[in-house]
Amino acid sequence: MSNTAFDDEIRLTDRPLVVSDIDEVVLEFLSPFRAFLESRDHILVPRSFRLTGNVVHRTTEQAASADDVKDMLDTFYATQDRWQTPAAGAVETLRDLSTEADIVFLTAMPPRYAAARRALLDRLELPYPLLASEDPKGPIVERLHAGRALPIVFIDDIARNLQSVQEHAPSCLLINLMANAEFRALAPTPDTCVHTAADWADAASAIRAHFQR
């Protein structure tokens, strides 16, 4: 898989598999990114479900260019340990689920920041294997699961990632989960095959029901 950074080789057991996104799912992203922007005289305006066009200068109200937003994201990811904290219920729920299933994180982030994220996750008691990639998530999940006759779950906040996994791992339970309620209201409506979870407790209930089928 090109453009993908792996932890040491991931060895799955004969248990169900839960693959989870990180930003806005396991870790808060939008709220800390907003604080990061404010430290650089910019604000994030909730006008649509995207960053470009919604990051504006605090004084001039001029929207930052796509390149400037990318540069800000790069700096944020490089210093993520100063900003990001766990989403409500994530640490406890994943700890409980880890007694029943293998858990793997799949984050849509430049692989060069994987080491910084690994260190942050370990500090936050989220020790599960990490894949960092800018490639489509469906083929990665398909290769990871390898067609095993065991339940699989994929959790993400972005519709295109859920769709990608649906296409490549059709037996997968798809869960849409997003920590920030303000931007969640602006997100596209997921497909009817996707379970939209209100929080991690709701997601855990759906996951355990899927395991029992």
C-alpha atoms as a PDB file:
ATOM      1  CA  MET A   1       0.000   0.000   0.000  1.00  0.00           C
ATOM      2  CA  SER A   2       1.649   3.225  -1.101  1.00  0.00           C
ATOM      3  CA  ASN A   3       1.597   6.291   1.120  1.00  0.00           C
ATOM      4  CA  THR A   4       0.737   4.179   4.157  1.00  0.00           C
ATOM      5  CA  ALA A   5       2.715   4.038   7.403  1.00  0.00           C
ATOM      6  CA  PHE A   6       2.306   0.908   9.506  1.00  0.00           C
ATOM      7  CA  ASP A   7       3.098   0.043  13.074  1.00  0.00           C
ATOM      8  CA  ASP A   8       5.106  -3.128  13.452  1.00  0.00           C
ATOM      9  CA  GLU A   9       3.389  -5.908  11.527  1.00  0.00           C
ATOM     10  CA  ILE A  10      -0.220  -6.222  12.661  1.00  0.00           C
ATOM     11  CA  ARG A  11      -1.157  -9.704  13.789  1.00  0.00           C
ATOM     12  CA  LEU A  12      -4.880 -10.276  14.132  1.00  0.00           C
ATOM     13  CA  THR A  13      -6.300 -12.970  16.396  1.00  0.00           C
ATOM     14  CA  ASP A  14      -9.325 -15.181  15.818  1.00  0.00           C
ATOM     15  CA  ARG A  15     -11.640 -12.489  17.092  1.00  0.00           C
ATOM     16  CA  PRO A  16     -13.839  -9.843  15.471  1.00  0.00           C
ATOM     17  CA  LEU A  17     -12.069  -6.788  14.060  1.00  0.00           C
ATOM     18  CA  VAL A  18     -12.891  -3.140  14.767  1.00  0.00           C
ATOM     19  CA  VAL A  19     -11.185  -0.633  12.464  1.00  0.00           C
ATOM     20  CA  SER A  20     -11.602   2.959  13.587  1.00  0.00           C
ATOM     21  CA  ASP A  21     -10.711   6.349  12.219  1.00  0.00           C
ATOM     22  CA  ILE A  22      -9.076   8.697  14.735  1.00  0.00           C
ATOM     23  CA  ASP A  23      -9.727  12.388  14.058  1.00  0.00           C
ATOM     24  CA  GLU A  24     -13.227  13.403  15.226  1.00  0.00           C
ATOM     25  CA  VAL A  25     -13.874   9.769  16.225  1.00  0.00           C
ATOM     26  CA  VAL A  26     -11.307   8.670  18.807  1.00  0.00           C
ATOM     27  CA  LEU A  27      -9.604  12.032  19.245  1.00  0.00           C
ATOM     28  CA  GLU A  28     -11.192  15.464  19.181  1.00  0.00           C
ATOM     29  CA  PHE A  29     -10.097  17.232  16.009  1.00  0.00           C
ATOM     30  CA  LEU A  30     -12.272  20.223  15.136  1.00  0.00           C
ATOM     31  CA  SER A  31     -12.334  21.785  18.609  1.00  0.00           C
ATOM     32  CA  PRO A  32      -8.547  21.556  19.088  1.00  0.00           C
ATOM     33  CA  PHE A  33      -7.918  22.640  15.497  1.00  0.00           C
ATOM     34  CA  ARG A  34     -10.107  25.662  16.155  1.00  0.00           C
ATOM     35  CA  ALA A  35      -7.986  26.514  19.208  1.00  0.00           C
ATOM     36  CA  PHE A  36      -4.832  26.024  17.137  1.00  0.00           C
ATOM     37  CA  LEU A  37      -6.148  28.394  14.459  1.00  0.00           C
ATOM     38  CA  GLU A  38      -7.039  31.028  17.021  1.00  0.00           C
ATOM     39  CA  SER A  39      -3.451  30.947  18.270  1.00  0.00           C
ATOM     40  CA  ARG A  40      -2.507  31.959  14.727  1.00  0.00           C
ATOM     41  CA  ASP A  41      -5.124  34.724  14.310  1.00  0.00           C
ATOM     42  CA  HIS A  42      -7.526  32.577  12.308  1.00  0.00           C
ATOM     43  CA  ILE A  43     -10.953  31.169  13.092  1.00  0.00           C
ATOM     44  CA  LEU A  44     -12.980  28.237  11.797  1.00  0.00           C
ATOM     45  CA  VAL A  45     -16.460  29.241  10.631  1.00  0.00           C
ATOM     46  CA  PRO A  46     -19.082  26.447  10.469  1.00  0.00           C
ATOM     47  CA  ARG A  47     -20.577  27.287   7.059  1.00  0.00           C
ATOM     48  CA  SER A  48     -20.103  23.933   5.322  1.00  0.00           C
ATOM     49  CA  PHE A  49     -18.612  20.500   5.931  1.00  0.00           C
ATOM     50  CA  ARG A  50     -15.100  21.348   4.821  1.00  0.00           C
ATOM     51  CA  LEU A  51     -12.048  23.268   5.995  1.00  0.00           C
ATOM     52  CA  THR A  52     -11.019  25.159   2.855  1.00  0.00           C
ATOM     53  CA  GLY A  53     -13.165  28.268   2.609  1.00  0.00           C
ATOM     54  CA  ASN A  54     -14.116  28.138   6.270  1.00  0.00           C
ATOM     55  CA  VAL A  55     -10.733  29.016   7.762  1.00  0.00           C
ATOM     56  CA  VAL A  56     -10.645  32.821   7.810  1.00  0.00           C
ATOM     57  CA  HIS A  57      -8.350  35.496   9.228  1.00  0.00           C
ATOM     58  CA  ARG A  58      -9.698  36.832  12.496  1.00  0.00           C
ATOM     59  CA  THR A  59      -9.302  40.521  11.520  1.00  0.00           C
ATOM     60  CA  THR A  60      -9.671  40.687   7.741  1.00  0.00           C
ATOM     61  CA  GLU A  61     -12.188  37.800   7.522  1.00  0.00           C
ATOM     62  CA  GLN A  62     -10.394  36.721   4.347  1.00  0.00           C
ATOM     63  CA  ALA A  63     -10.572  32.977   3.701  1.00  0.00           C
ATOM     64  CA  ALA A  64      -7.240  31.171   3.792  1.00  0.00           C
ATOM     65  CA  SER A  65      -6.196  29.551   0.528  1.00  0.00           C
ATOM     66  CA  ALA A  66      -6.169  25.793   0.118  1.00  0.00           C
ATOM     67  CA  ASP A  67      -2.367  25.823   0.341  1.00  0.00           C
ATOM     68  CA  ASP A  68      -2.462  27.881   3.527  1.00  0.00           C
ATOM     69  CA  VAL A  69      -5.005  25.514   5.084  1.00  0.00           C
ATOM     70  CA  LYS A  70      -2.779  22.565   4.165  1.00  0.00           C
ATOM     71  CA  ASP A  71       0.216  24.287   5.780  1.00  0.00           C
ATOM     72  CA  MET A  72      -1.823  24.916   8.933  1.00  0.00           C
ATOM     73  CA  LEU A  73      -2.915  21.280   9.028  1.00  0.00           C
ATOM     74  CA  ASP A  74       0.685  20.147   8.640  1.00  0.00           C
ATOM     75  CA  THR A  75       1.749  22.307  11.570  1.00  0.00           C
ATOM     76  CA  PHE A  76      -1.200  21.082  13.625  1.00  0.00           C
ATOM     77  CA  TYR A  77      -0.358  17.428  12.978  1.00  0.00           C
ATOM     78  CA  ALA A  78       3.301  18.058  13.784  1.00  0.00           C
ATOM     79  CA  THR A  79       2.264  19.458  17.178  1.00  0.00           C
ATOM     80  CA  GLN A  80      -0.873  17.369  17.733  1.00  0.00           C
ATOM     81  CA  ASP A  81       0.271  16.240  21.185  1.00  0.00           C
ATOM     82  CA  ARG A  82      -0.210  19.830  22.415  1.00  0.00           C
ATOM     83  CA  TRP A  83      -3.792  20.070  21.179  1.00  0.00           C
ATOM     84  CA  GLN A  84      -5.692  16.813  20.785  1.00  0.00           C
ATOM     85  CA  THR A  85      -7.578  14.993  23.533  1.00  0.00           C
ATOM     86  CA  PRO A  86      -9.798  11.877  23.498  1.00  0.00           C
ATOM     87  CA  ALA A  87     -13.388  12.105  22.346  1.00  0.00           C
ATOM     88  CA  ALA A  88     -15.908  11.521  25.128  1.00  0.00           C
ATOM     89  CA  GLY A  89     -16.159   7.822  25.979  1.00  0.00           C
ATOM     90  CA  ALA A  90     -13.583   6.679  23.437  1.00  0.00           C
ATOM     91  CA  VAL A  91     -10.853   5.419  25.768  1.00  0.00           C
ATOM     92  CA  GLU A  92     -13.194   3.499  28.055  1.00  0.00           C
ATOM     93  CA  THR A  93     -15.296   2.022  25.256  1.00  0.00           C
ATOM     94  CA  LEU A  94     -12.314   0.842  23.235  1.00  0.00           C
ATOM     95  CA  ARG A  95     -10.741  -0.650  26.352  1.00  0.00           C
ATOM     96  CA  ASP A  96     -13.921  -2.671  26.944  1.00  0.00           C
ATOM     97  CA  LEU A  97     -14.218  -3.713  23.296  1.00  0.00           C
ATOM     98  CA  SER A  98     -10.590  -4.826  23.241  1.00  0.00           C
ATOM     99  CA  THR A  99     -11.534  -7.733  25.525  1.00  0.00           C
ATOM    100  CA  GLU A 100     -13.782  -9.041  22.731  1.00  0.00           C
ATOM    101  CA  ALA A 101     -12.180  -7.880  19.499  1.00  0.00           C
ATOM    102  CA  ASP A 102      -8.979  -6.774  17.804  1.00  0.00           C
ATOM    103  CA  ILE A 103      -8.846  -2.998  17.359  1.00  0.00           C
ATOM    104  CA  VAL A 104      -6.858  -1.219  14.641  1.00  0.00           C
ATOM    105  CA  PHE A 105      -6.703   2.514  14.007  1.00  0.00           C
ATOM    106  CA  LEU A 106      -6.776   3.746  10.403  1.00  0.00           C
ATOM    107  CA  THR A 107      -6.162   7.478  10.202  1.00  0.00           C
ATOM    108  CA  ALA A 108      -6.316   9.669   7.083  1.00  0.00           C
ATOM    109  CA  MET A 109      -3.166  11.577   7.876  1.00  0.00           C
ATOM    110  CA  PRO A 110       0.190  12.066   6.124  1.00  0.00           C
ATOM    111  CA  PRO A 111       2.317   9.062   7.174  1.00  0.00           C
ATOM    112  CA  ARG A 112       5.189  11.344   8.157  1.00  0.00           C
ATOM    113  CA  TYR A 113       3.210  12.259  11.277  1.00  0.00           C
ATOM    114  CA  ALA A 114       2.512   8.645  12.282  1.00  0.00           C
ATOM    115  CA  ALA A 115       5.255   8.594  14.934  1.00  0.00           C
ATOM    116  CA  ALA A 116       3.879  11.719  16.606  1.00  0.00           C
ATOM    117  CA  ARG A 117       0.399  10.216  16.605  1.00  0.00           C
ATOM    118  CA  ARG A 118       1.669   6.910  17.953  1.00  0.00           C
ATOM    119  CA  ALA A 119       3.300   8.695  20.873  1.00  0.00           C
ATOM    120  CA  LEU A 120       0.110  10.677  21.571  1.00  0.00           C
ATOM    121  CA  LEU A 121      -2.109   7.580  21.450  1.00  0.00           C
ATOM    122  CA  ASP A 122       0.180   5.708  23.819  1.00  0.00           C
ATOM    123  CA  ARG A 123       0.155   8.619  26.269  1.00  0.00           C
ATOM    124  CA  LEU A 124      -3.663   8.652  26.172  1.00  0.00           C
ATOM    125  CA  GLU A 125      -3.897   4.899  26.876  1.00  0.00           C
ATOM    126  CA  LEU A 126      -4.938   4.037  23.329  1.00  0.00           C
ATOM    127  CA  PRO A 127      -2.297   1.390  22.545  1.00  0.00           C
ATOM    128  CA  TYR A 128      -3.951  -0.204  19.505  1.00  0.00           C
ATOM    129  CA  PRO A 129      -2.079  -0.701  16.199  1.00  0.00           C
ATOM    130  CA  LEU A 130      -2.019   2.306  13.888  1.00  0.00           C
ATOM    131  CA  LEU A 131      -2.148   2.692  10.109  1.00  0.00           C
ATOM    132  CA  ALA A 132      -1.653   6.211   8.749  1.00  0.00           C
ATOM    133  CA  SER A 133      -2.538   6.665   5.090  1.00  0.00           C
ATOM    134  CA  GLU A 134      -3.774   9.148   2.514  1.00  0.00           C
ATOM    135  CA  ASP A 135      -4.955   6.299   0.268  1.00  0.00           C
ATOM    136  CA  PRO A 136      -8.619   5.214   0.030  1.00  0.00           C
ATOM    137  CA  LYS A 137      -9.617   3.283   3.127  1.00  0.00           C
ATOM    138  CA  GLY A 138     -11.644   0.525   1.481  1.00  0.00           C
ATOM    139  CA  PRO A 139      -8.703  -1.400  -0.049  1.00  0.00           C
ATOM    140  CA  ILE A 140      -6.742  -1.065   3.200  1.00  0.00           C
ATOM    141  CA  VAL A 141      -9.591  -2.540   5.264  1.00  0.00           C
ATOM    142  CA  GLU A 142     -10.110  -5.277   2.671  1.00  0.00           C
ATOM    143  CA  ARG A 143      -6.451  -6.282   2.811  1.00  0.00           C
ATOM    144  CA  LEU A 144      -6.361  -6.089   6.590  1.00  0.00           C
ATOM    145  CA  HIS A 145      -9.432  -8.297   7.082  1.00  0.00           C
ATOM    146  CA  ALA A 146      -8.381 -10.640   4.253  1.00  0.00           C
ATOM    147  CA  GLY A 147     -11.829 -12.176   3.836  1.00  0.00           C
ATOM    148  CA  ARG A 148     -11.871 -13.834   7.252  1.00  0.00           C
ATOM    149  CA  ALA A 149     -15.165 -15.390   8.379  1.00  0.00           C
ATOM    150  CA  LEU A 150     -15.295 -13.125  11.413  1.00  0.00           C
ATOM    151  CA  PRO A 151     -17.306  -9.962  12.142  1.00  0.00           C
ATOM    152  CA  ILE A 152     -15.738  -6.676  11.064  1.00  0.00           C
ATOM    153  CA  VAL A 153     -16.675  -3.101  11.970  1.00  0.00           C
ATOM    154  CA  PHE A 154     -15.497   0.180  10.473  1.00  0.00           C
ATOM    155  CA  ILE A 155     -16.023   3.540  12.225  1.00  0.00           C
ATOM    156  CA  ASP A 156     -15.476   6.903  10.523  1.00  0.00           C
ATOM    157  CA  ASP A 157     -16.885  10.424  10.388  1.00  0.00           C
ATOM    158  CA  ILE A 158     -16.517  10.912   6.617  1.00  0.00           C
ATOM    159  CA  ALA A 159     -19.095   9.513   4.178  1.00  0.00           C
ATOM    160  CA  ARG A 160     -16.625   8.792   1.360  1.00  0.00           C
ATOM    161  CA  ASN A 161     -14.518   6.613   3.669  1.00  0.00           C
ATOM    162  CA  LEU A 162     -17.568   4.637   4.751  1.00  0.00           C
ATOM    163  CA  GLN A 163     -18.573   4.208   1.104  1.00  0.00           C
ATOM    164  CA  SER A 164     -15.075   3.061   0.171  1.00  0.00           C
ATOM    165  CA  VAL A 165     -15.129   0.374   2.854  1.00  0.00           C
ATOM    166  CA  GLN A 166     -18.644  -0.676   1.873  1.00  0.00           C
ATOM    167  CA  GLU A 167     -17.416  -1.312  -1.665  1.00  0.00           C
ATOM    168  CA  HIS A 168     -14.384  -3.358  -0.619  1.00  0.00           C
ATOM    169  CA  ALA A 169     -15.618  -5.110   2.539  1.00  0.00           C
ATOM    170  CA  PRO A 170     -19.383  -5.501   2.100  1.00  0.00           C
ATOM    171  CA  SER A 171     -19.838  -7.670   5.210  1.00  0.00           C
ATOM    172  CA  CYS A 172     -18.572  -4.813   7.383  1.00  0.00           C
ATOM    173  CA  LEU A 173     -20.788  -2.998   9.866  1.00  0.00           C
ATOM    174  CA  LEU A 174     -20.379   0.681   8.998  1.00  0.00           C
ATOM    175  CA  ILE A 175     -20.701   3.250  11.779  1.00  0.00           C
ATOM    176  CA  ASN A 176     -20.740   7.020  11.316  1.00  0.00           C
ATOM    177  CA  LEU A 177     -19.495   8.768  14.460  1.00  0.00           C
ATOM    178  CA  MET A 178     -18.411  12.378  14.874  1.00  0.00           C
ATOM    179  CA  ALA A 179     -17.467  14.172  18.082  1.00  0.00           C
ATOM    180  CA  ASN A 180     -18.272  17.760  17.046  1.00  0.00           C
ATOM    181  CA  ALA A 181     -22.043  18.284  17.005  1.00  0.00           C
ATOM    182  CA  GLU A 182     -21.838  21.664  15.252  1.00  0.00           C
ATOM    183  CA  PHE A 183     -20.097  20.296  12.161  1.00  0.00           C
ATOM    184  CA  ARG A 184     -21.911  16.950  12.323  1.00  0.00           C
ATOM    185  CA  ALA A 185     -25.093  18.883  11.523  1.00  0.00           C
ATOM    186  CA  LEU A 186     -23.446  20.073   8.275  1.00  0.00           C
ATOM    187  CA  ALA A 187     -22.239  16.620   7.187  1.00  0.00           C
ATOM    188  CA  PRO A 188     -23.821  14.732   4.288  1.00  0.00           C
ATOM    189  CA  THR A 189     -26.398  12.161   5.346  1.00  0.00           C
ATOM    190  CA  PRO A 190     -24.793   8.693   5.364  1.00  0.00           C
ATOM    191  CA  ASP A 191     -26.223   5.871   3.262  1.00  0.00           C
ATOM    192  CA  THR A 192     -29.055   3.895   4.829  1.00  0.00           C
ATOM    193  CA  CYS A 193     -26.696   0.944   5.340  1.00  0.00           C
ATOM    194  CA  VAL A 194     -24.622   3.042   7.755  1.00  0.00           C
ATOM    195  CA  HIS A 195     -25.411   3.146  11.474  1.00  0.00           C
ATOM    196  CA  THR A 196     -25.220   6.757  12.651  1.00  0.00           C
ATOM    197  CA  ALA A 197     -24.068   6.667  16.260  1.00  0.00           C
ATOM    198  CA  ALA A 198     -24.914   9.444  18.687  1.00  0.00           C
ATOM    199  CA  ASP A 199     -21.843   8.682  20.808  1.00  0.00           C
ATOM    200  CA  TRP A 200     -19.425   5.906  21.735  1.00  0.00           C
ATOM    201  CA  ALA A 201     -21.989   4.156  23.956  1.00  0.00           C
ATOM    202  CA  ASP A 202     -24.390   3.957  21.005  1.00  0.00           C
ATOM    203  CA  ALA A 203     -21.580   2.716  18.757  1.00  0.00           C
ATOM    204  CA  ALA A 204     -20.635   0.008  21.282  1.00  0.00           C
ATOM    205  CA  SER A 205     -24.217  -1.267  21.415  1.00  0.00           C
ATOM    206  CA  ALA A 206     -24.343  -1.560  17.621  1.00  0.00           C
ATOM    207  CA  ILE A 207     -20.947  -3.270  17.545  1.00  0.00           C
ATOM    208  CA  ARG A 208     -21.882  -5.884  20.141  1.00  0.00           C
ATOM    209  CA  ALA A 209     -25.173  -6.594  18.361  1.00  0.00           C
ATOM    210  CA  HIS A 210     -23.191  -7.134  15.147  1.00  0.00           C
ATOM    211  CA  PHE A 211     -20.836  -9.555  16.930  1.00  0.00           C
ATOM    212  CA  GLN A 212     -23.806 -11.663  18.065  1.00  0.00           C
ATOM    213  CA  ARG A 213     -25.348 -12.147  14.625  1.00  0.00           C
END
